PDB file of all heavy atoms in Angstrom:
ATOM      1  N   LYS A   1     -10.700  -1.354  -7.902  1.00  0.00           N
ATOM      2  CA  LYS A   1      -9.536  -0.497  -7.650  1.00  0.00           C
ATOM      3  C   LYS A   1      -9.327  -0.475  -6.148  1.00  0.00           C
ATOM      4  O   LYS A   1     -10.284  -0.316  -5.383  1.00  0.00           O
ATOM      5  CB  LYS A   1      -9.771   0.914  -8.170  1.00  0.00           C
ATOM      6  CG  LYS A   1      -9.802   1.021  -9.676  1.00  0.00           C
ATOM      7  CD  LYS A   1      -9.797   2.470 -10.083  1.00  0.00           C
ATOM      8  CE  LYS A   1      -9.986   2.736 -11.542  1.00  0.00           C
ATOM      9  NZ  LYS A   1      -9.587   1.805 -12.488  1.00  0.00           N
ATOM     10  N   LEU A   2      -8.081  -0.637  -5.722  1.00  0.00           N
ATOM     11  CA  LEU A   2      -7.728  -0.564  -4.310  1.00  0.00           C
ATOM     12  C   LEU A   2      -6.961   0.717  -4.064  1.00  0.00           C
ATOM     13  O   LEU A   2      -6.043   1.054  -4.814  1.00  0.00           O
ATOM     14  CB  LEU A   2      -6.860  -1.753  -3.896  1.00  0.00           C
ATOM     15  CG  LEU A   2      -7.560  -3.091  -3.764  1.00  0.00           C
ATOM     16  CD1 LEU A   2      -6.563  -4.165  -3.388  1.00  0.00           C
ATOM     17  CD2 LEU A   2      -8.660  -3.024  -2.738  1.00  0.00           C
ATOM     18  N   ILE A   3      -7.333   1.430  -3.011  1.00  0.00           N
ATOM     19  CA  ILE A   3      -6.656   2.668  -2.643  1.00  0.00           C
ATOM     20  C   ILE A   3      -6.084   2.499  -1.245  1.00  0.00           C
ATOM     21  O   ILE A   3      -6.796   2.118  -0.316  1.00  0.00           O
ATOM     22  CB  ILE A   3      -7.617   3.867  -2.681  1.00  0.00           C
ATOM     23  CG1 ILE A   3      -8.194   4.020  -4.088  1.00  0.00           C
ATOM     24  CG2 ILE A   3      -6.909   5.140  -2.234  1.00  0.00           C
ATOM     25  CD1 ILE A   3      -9.259   5.075  -4.210  1.00  0.00           C
ATOM     26  N   SER A   4      -4.792   2.761  -1.135  1.00  0.00           N
ATOM     27  CA  SER A   4      -4.125   2.696   0.167  1.00  0.00           C
ATOM     28  C   SER A   4      -3.232   3.920   0.302  1.00  0.00           C
ATOM     29  O   SER A   4      -2.439   4.211  -0.596  1.00  0.00           O
ATOM     30  CB  SER A   4      -3.292   1.422   0.280  1.00  0.00           C
ATOM     31  OG  SER A   4      -2.642   1.363   1.531  1.00  0.00           O
ATOM     32  N   ALA A   5      -3.359   4.622   1.408  1.00  0.00           N
ATOM     33  CA  ALA A   5      -2.577   5.833   1.683  1.00  0.00           C
ATOM     34  C   ALA A   5      -2.698   6.841   0.534  1.00  0.00           C
ATOM     35  O   ALA A   5      -1.734   7.494   0.164  1.00  0.00           O
ATOM     36  CB  ALA A   5      -1.119   5.484   1.939  1.00  0.00           C
ATOM     37  N   GLY A   6      -3.906   6.928  -0.051  1.00  0.00           N
ATOM     38  CA  GLY A   6      -4.163   7.907  -1.099  1.00  0.00           C
ATOM     39  C   GLY A   6      -3.669   7.530  -2.479  1.00  0.00           C
ATOM     40  O   GLY A   6      -3.743   8.329  -3.395  1.00  0.00           O
ATOM     41  N   LYS A   7      -3.167   6.296  -2.650  1.00  0.00           N
ATOM     42  CA  LYS A   7      -2.650   5.872  -3.951  1.00  0.00           C
ATOM     43  C   LYS A   7      -3.447   4.681  -4.472  1.00  0.00           C
ATOM     44  O   LYS A   7      -3.771   3.770  -3.718  1.00  0.00           O
ATOM     45  CB  LYS A   7      -1.182   5.464  -3.836  1.00  0.00           C
ATOM     46  CG  LYS A   7      -0.272   6.608  -3.497  1.00  0.00           C
ATOM     47  CD  LYS A   7       1.165   6.158  -3.458  1.00  0.00           C
ATOM     48  CE  LYS A   7       2.073   7.329  -3.077  1.00  0.00           C
ATOM     49  NZ  LYS A   7       3.469   6.929  -3.026  1.00  0.00           N
ATOM     50  N   ILE A   8      -3.739   4.695  -5.785  1.00  0.00           N
ATOM     51  CA  ILE A   8      -4.366   3.549  -6.426  1.00  0.00           C
ATOM     52  C   ILE A   8      -3.282   2.513  -6.660  1.00  0.00           C
ATOM     53  O   ILE A   8      -2.246   2.813  -7.259  1.00  0.00           O
ATOM     54  CB  ILE A   8      -5.040   3.955  -7.754  1.00  0.00           C
ATOM     55  CG1 ILE A   8      -6.173   4.950  -7.476  1.00  0.00           C
ATOM     56  CG2 ILE A   8      -5.568   2.723  -8.475  1.00  0.00           C
ATOM     57  CD1 ILE A   8      -6.832   5.500  -8.705  1.00  0.00           C
ATOM     58  N   LEU A   9      -3.518   1.302  -6.181  1.00  0.00           N
ATOM     59  CA  LEU A   9      -2.507   0.246  -6.259  1.00  0.00           C
ATOM     60  C   LEU A   9      -2.563  -0.472  -7.597  1.00  0.00           C
ATOM     61  O   LEU A   9      -3.638  -0.775  -8.111  1.00  0.00           O
ATOM     62  CB  LEU A   9      -2.718  -0.752  -5.111  1.00  0.00           C
ATOM     63  CG  LEU A   9      -2.790  -0.132  -3.711  1.00  0.00           C
ATOM     64  CD1 LEU A   9      -2.931  -1.230  -2.672  1.00  0.00           C
ATOM     65  CD2 LEU A   9      -1.566   0.719  -3.428  1.00  0.00           C
ATOM     66  N   GLU A  10      -1.399  -0.764  -8.146  1.00  0.00           N
ATOM     67  CA  GLU A  10      -1.288  -1.445  -9.435  1.00  0.00           C
ATOM     68  C   GLU A  10      -1.271  -2.953  -9.214  1.00  0.00           C
ATOM     69  O   GLU A  10      -0.665  -3.442  -8.260  1.00  0.00           O
ATOM     70  CB  GLU A  10      -0.013  -1.013 -10.150  1.00  0.00           C
ATOM     71  CG  GLU A  10       0.018   0.466 -10.468  1.00  0.00           C
ATOM     72  CD  GLU A  10       1.334   0.895 -11.081  1.00  0.00           C
ATOM     73  OE1 GLU A  10       2.027   0.037 -11.678  1.00  0.00           O
ATOM     74  OE2 GLU A  10       1.678   2.074 -10.954  1.00  0.00           O
ATOM     75  N   ASN A  11      -1.910  -3.697 -10.133  1.00  0.00           N
ATOM     76  CA  ASN A  11      -2.040  -5.151 -10.001  1.00  0.00           C
ATOM     77  C   ASN A  11      -0.701  -5.881  -9.915  1.00  0.00           C
ATOM     78  O   ASN A  11      -0.587  -6.904  -9.252  1.00  0.00           O
ATOM     79  CB  ASN A  11      -2.838  -5.729 -11.170  1.00  0.00           C
ATOM     80  CG  ASN A  11      -4.305  -5.402 -11.066  1.00  0.00           C
ATOM     81  OD1 ASN A  11      -4.793  -5.000 -10.015  1.00  0.00           O
ATOM     82  ND2 ASN A  11      -5.019  -5.558 -12.162  1.00  0.00           N
ATOM     83  N   ASN A  12       0.327  -5.385 -10.594  1.00  0.00           N
ATOM     84  CA  ASN A  12       1.601  -6.105 -10.654  1.00  0.00           C
ATOM     85  C   ASN A  12       2.504  -5.844  -9.448  1.00  0.00           C
ATOM     86  O   ASN A  12       3.547  -6.462  -9.314  1.00  0.00           O
ATOM     87  CB  ASN A  12       2.346  -5.772 -11.950  1.00  0.00           C
ATOM     88  CG  ASN A  12       2.619  -4.277 -12.085  1.00  0.00           C
ATOM     89  OD1 ASN A  12       2.092  -3.469 -11.341  1.00  0.00           O
ATOM     90  ND2 ASN A  12       3.437  -3.928 -13.053  1.00  0.00           N
ATOM     91  N   LYS A  13       2.106  -4.948  -8.557  1.00  0.00           N
ATOM     92  CA  LYS A  13       2.896  -4.656  -7.355  1.00  0.00           C
ATOM     93  C   LYS A  13       2.557  -5.654  -6.254  1.00  0.00           C
ATOM     94  O   LYS A  13       1.486  -6.258  -6.255  1.00  0.00           O
ATOM     95  CB  LYS A  13       2.603  -3.240  -6.840  1.00  0.00           C
ATOM     96  CG  LYS A  13       2.898  -2.153  -7.832  1.00  0.00           C
ATOM     97  CD  LYS A  13       4.343  -1.827  -7.828  1.00  0.00           C
ATOM     98  CE  LYS A  13       4.587  -0.610  -8.726  1.00  0.00           C
ATOM     99  NZ  LYS A  13       5.935  -0.198  -8.737  1.00  0.00           N
ATOM    100  N   THR A  14       3.488  -5.803  -5.301  1.00  0.00           N
ATOM    101  CA  THR A  14       3.223  -6.661  -4.148  1.00  0.00           C
ATOM    102  C   THR A  14       2.734  -5.803  -2.984  1.00  0.00           C
ATOM    103  O   THR A  14       2.902  -4.580  -2.983  1.00  0.00           O
ATOM    104  CB  THR A  14       4.479  -7.428  -3.711  1.00  0.00           C
ATOM    105  OG1 THR A  14       5.451  -6.490  -3.247  1.00  0.00           O
ATOM    106  CG2 THR A  14       5.047  -8.260  -4.839  1.00  0.00           C
ATOM    107  N   VAL A  15       2.161  -6.462  -1.994  1.00  0.00           N
ATOM    108  CA  VAL A  15       1.685  -5.759  -0.801  1.00  0.00           C
ATOM    109  C   VAL A  15       2.849  -5.055  -0.116  1.00  0.00           C
ATOM    110  O   VAL A  15       2.724  -3.921   0.329  1.00  0.00           O
ATOM    111  CB  VAL A  15       1.001  -6.755   0.158  1.00  0.00           C
ATOM    112  CG1 VAL A  15       0.630  -6.088   1.467  1.00  0.00           C
ATOM    113  CG2 VAL A  15      -0.224  -7.354  -0.495  1.00  0.00           C
ATOM    114  N   GLY A  16       3.989  -5.708  -0.072  1.00  0.00           N
ATOM    115  CA  GLY A  16       5.173  -5.115   0.550  1.00  0.00           C
ATOM    116  C   GLY A  16       5.635  -3.851  -0.154  1.00  0.00           C
ATOM    117  O   GLY A  16       6.077  -2.904   0.491  1.00  0.00           O
ATOM    118  N   GLU A  17       5.529  -3.801  -1.480  1.00  0.00           N
ATOM    119  CA  GLU A  17       5.931  -2.621  -2.250  1.00  0.00           C
ATOM    120  C   GLU A  17       4.956  -1.457  -2.064  1.00  0.00           C
ATOM    121  O   GLU A  17       5.342  -0.294  -2.174  1.00  0.00           O
ATOM    122  CB  GLU A  17       6.018  -2.958  -3.737  1.00  0.00           C
ATOM    123  CG  GLU A  17       7.136  -3.906  -4.087  1.00  0.00           C
ATOM    124  CD  GLU A  17       7.068  -4.369  -5.539  1.00  0.00           C
ATOM    125  OE1 GLU A  17       5.967  -4.414  -6.122  1.00  0.00           O
ATOM    126  OE2 GLU A  17       8.130  -4.692  -6.087  1.00  0.00           O
ATOM    127  N   CYS A  18       3.694  -1.763  -1.779  1.00  0.00           N
ATOM    128  CA  CYS A  18       2.667  -0.732  -1.639  1.00  0.00           C
ATOM    129  C   CYS A  18       2.549  -0.210  -0.218  1.00  0.00           C
ATOM    130  O   CYS A  18       1.823   0.750   0.026  1.00  0.00           O
ATOM    131  CB  CYS A  18       1.310  -1.302  -2.064  1.00  0.00           C
ATOM    132  SG  CYS A  18       1.263  -1.807  -3.780  1.00  0.00           S
ATOM    133  N   ARG A  19       3.244  -0.805   0.691  1.00  0.00           N
ATOM    134  CA  ARG A  19       3.134  -0.440   2.101  1.00  0.00           C
ATOM    135  C   ARG A  19       3.685   0.961   2.336  1.00  0.00           C
ATOM    136  O   ARG A  19       4.727   1.333   1.819  1.00  0.00           O
ATOM    137  CB  ARG A  19       3.906  -1.470   2.919  1.00  0.00           C
ATOM    138  CG  ARG A  19       3.609  -1.438   4.346  1.00  0.00           C
ATOM    139  CD  ARG A  19       4.140  -2.598   5.116  1.00  0.00           C
ATOM    140  NE  ARG A  19       5.229  -3.317   4.489  1.00  0.00           N
ATOM    141  CZ  ARG A  19       5.618  -4.504   4.869  1.00  0.00           C
ATOM    142  NH1 ARG A  19       5.015  -5.108   5.850  1.00  0.00           N
ATOM    143  NH2 ARG A  19       6.622  -5.104   4.274  1.00  0.00           N
ATOM    144  N   SER A  20       2.958   1.736   3.127  1.00  0.00           N
ATOM    145  CA  SER A  20       3.394   3.084   3.461  1.00  0.00           C
ATOM    146  C   SER A  20       4.029   3.062   4.844  1.00  0.00           C
ATOM    147  O   SER A  20       3.383   2.660   5.816  1.00  0.00           O
ATOM    148  CB  SER A  20       2.200   4.038   3.457  1.00  0.00           C
ATOM    149  OG  SER A  20       2.576   5.274   3.998  1.00  0.00           O
ATOM    150  N   PRO A  21       5.282   3.498   4.971  1.00  0.00           N
ATOM    151  CA  PRO A  21       5.923   3.478   6.287  1.00  0.00           C
ATOM    152  C   PRO A  21       5.268   4.426   7.286  1.00  0.00           C
ATOM    153  O   PRO A  21       5.350   4.225   8.485  1.00  0.00           O
ATOM    154  CB  PRO A  21       7.365   3.894   5.996  1.00  0.00           C
ATOM    155  CG  PRO A  21       7.330   4.574   4.681  1.00  0.00           C
ATOM    156  CD  PRO A  21       6.152   4.028   3.933  1.00  0.00           C
ATOM    157  N   LEU A  22       4.589   5.459   6.808  1.00  0.00           N
ATOM    158  CA  LEU A  22       3.951   6.414   7.703  1.00  0.00           C
ATOM    159  C   LEU A  22       2.605   5.923   8.228  1.00  0.00           C
ATOM    160  O   LEU A  22       2.195   6.281   9.327  1.00  0.00           O
ATOM    161  CB  LEU A  22       3.745   7.754   6.987  1.00  0.00           C
ATOM    162  CG  LEU A  22       5.017   8.444   6.494  1.00  0.00           C
ATOM    163  CD1 LEU A  22       4.656   9.680   5.702  1.00  0.00           C
ATOM    164  CD2 LEU A  22       5.915   8.800   7.662  1.00  0.00           C
ATOM    165  N   CYS A  23       1.902   5.115   7.425  1.00  0.00           N
ATOM    166  CA  CYS A  23       0.546   4.708   7.792  1.00  0.00           C
ATOM    167  C   CYS A  23       0.479   3.340   8.461  1.00  0.00           C
ATOM    168  O   CYS A  23      -0.473   3.057   9.168  1.00  0.00           O
ATOM    169  CB  CYS A  23      -0.347   4.702   6.555  1.00  0.00           C
ATOM    170  SG  CYS A  23      -0.516   6.320   5.805  1.00  0.00           S
ATOM    171  N   ASP A  24       1.434   2.479   8.199  1.00  0.00           N
ATOM    172  CA  ASP A  24       1.377   1.118   8.714  1.00  0.00           C
ATOM    173  C   ASP A  24       2.037   1.023  10.080  1.00  0.00           C
ATOM    174  O   ASP A  24       3.204   1.333  10.242  1.00  0.00           O
ATOM    175  CB  ASP A  24       2.045   0.140   7.743  1.00  0.00           C
ATOM    176  CG  ASP A  24       1.286   0.004   6.438  1.00  0.00           C
ATOM    177  OD1 ASP A  24       0.070   0.249   6.462  1.00  0.00           O
ATOM    178  OD2 ASP A  24       1.906  -0.334   5.424  1.00  0.00           O
ATOM    179  N   VAL A  25       1.266   0.578  11.051  1.00  0.00           N
ATOM    180  CA  VAL A  25       1.755   0.385  12.409  1.00  0.00           C
ATOM    181  C   VAL A  25       2.039  -1.096  12.591  1.00  0.00           C
ATOM    182  O   VAL A  25       1.184  -1.922  12.272  1.00  0.00           O
ATOM    183  CB  VAL A  25       0.698   0.867  13.432  1.00  0.00           C
ATOM    184  CG1 VAL A  25       1.173   0.631  14.847  1.00  0.00           C
ATOM    185  CG2 VAL A  25       0.349   2.319  13.191  1.00  0.00           C
ATOM    186  N   PRO A  26       3.224  -1.464  13.064  1.00  0.00           N
ATOM    187  CA  PRO A  26       3.510  -2.881  13.280  1.00  0.00           C
ATOM    188  C   PRO A  26       2.454  -3.518  14.178  1.00  0.00           C
ATOM    189  O   PRO A  26       2.124  -2.994  15.246  1.00  0.00           O
ATOM    190  CB  PRO A  26       4.882  -2.879  13.949  1.00  0.00           C
ATOM    191  CG  PRO A  26       5.492  -1.570  13.568  1.00  0.00           C
ATOM    192  CD  PRO A  26       4.350  -0.608  13.427  1.00  0.00           C
ATOM    193  N   GLY A  27       1.902  -4.627  13.722  1.00  0.00           N
ATOM    194  CA  GLY A  27       0.871  -5.332  14.475  1.00  0.00           C
ATOM    195  C   GLY A  27      -0.517  -4.737  14.308  1.00  0.00           C
ATOM    196  O   GLY A  27      -1.485  -5.271  14.836  1.00  0.00           O
TER     197      GLY A  27
END
């Protein structure tokens, strides 16, 4: 199970769909 920004990520989602705008810093 992968957890990112407090959410368990679903296998059928892409990395781009799971990205959190608040937590991800460009670069």
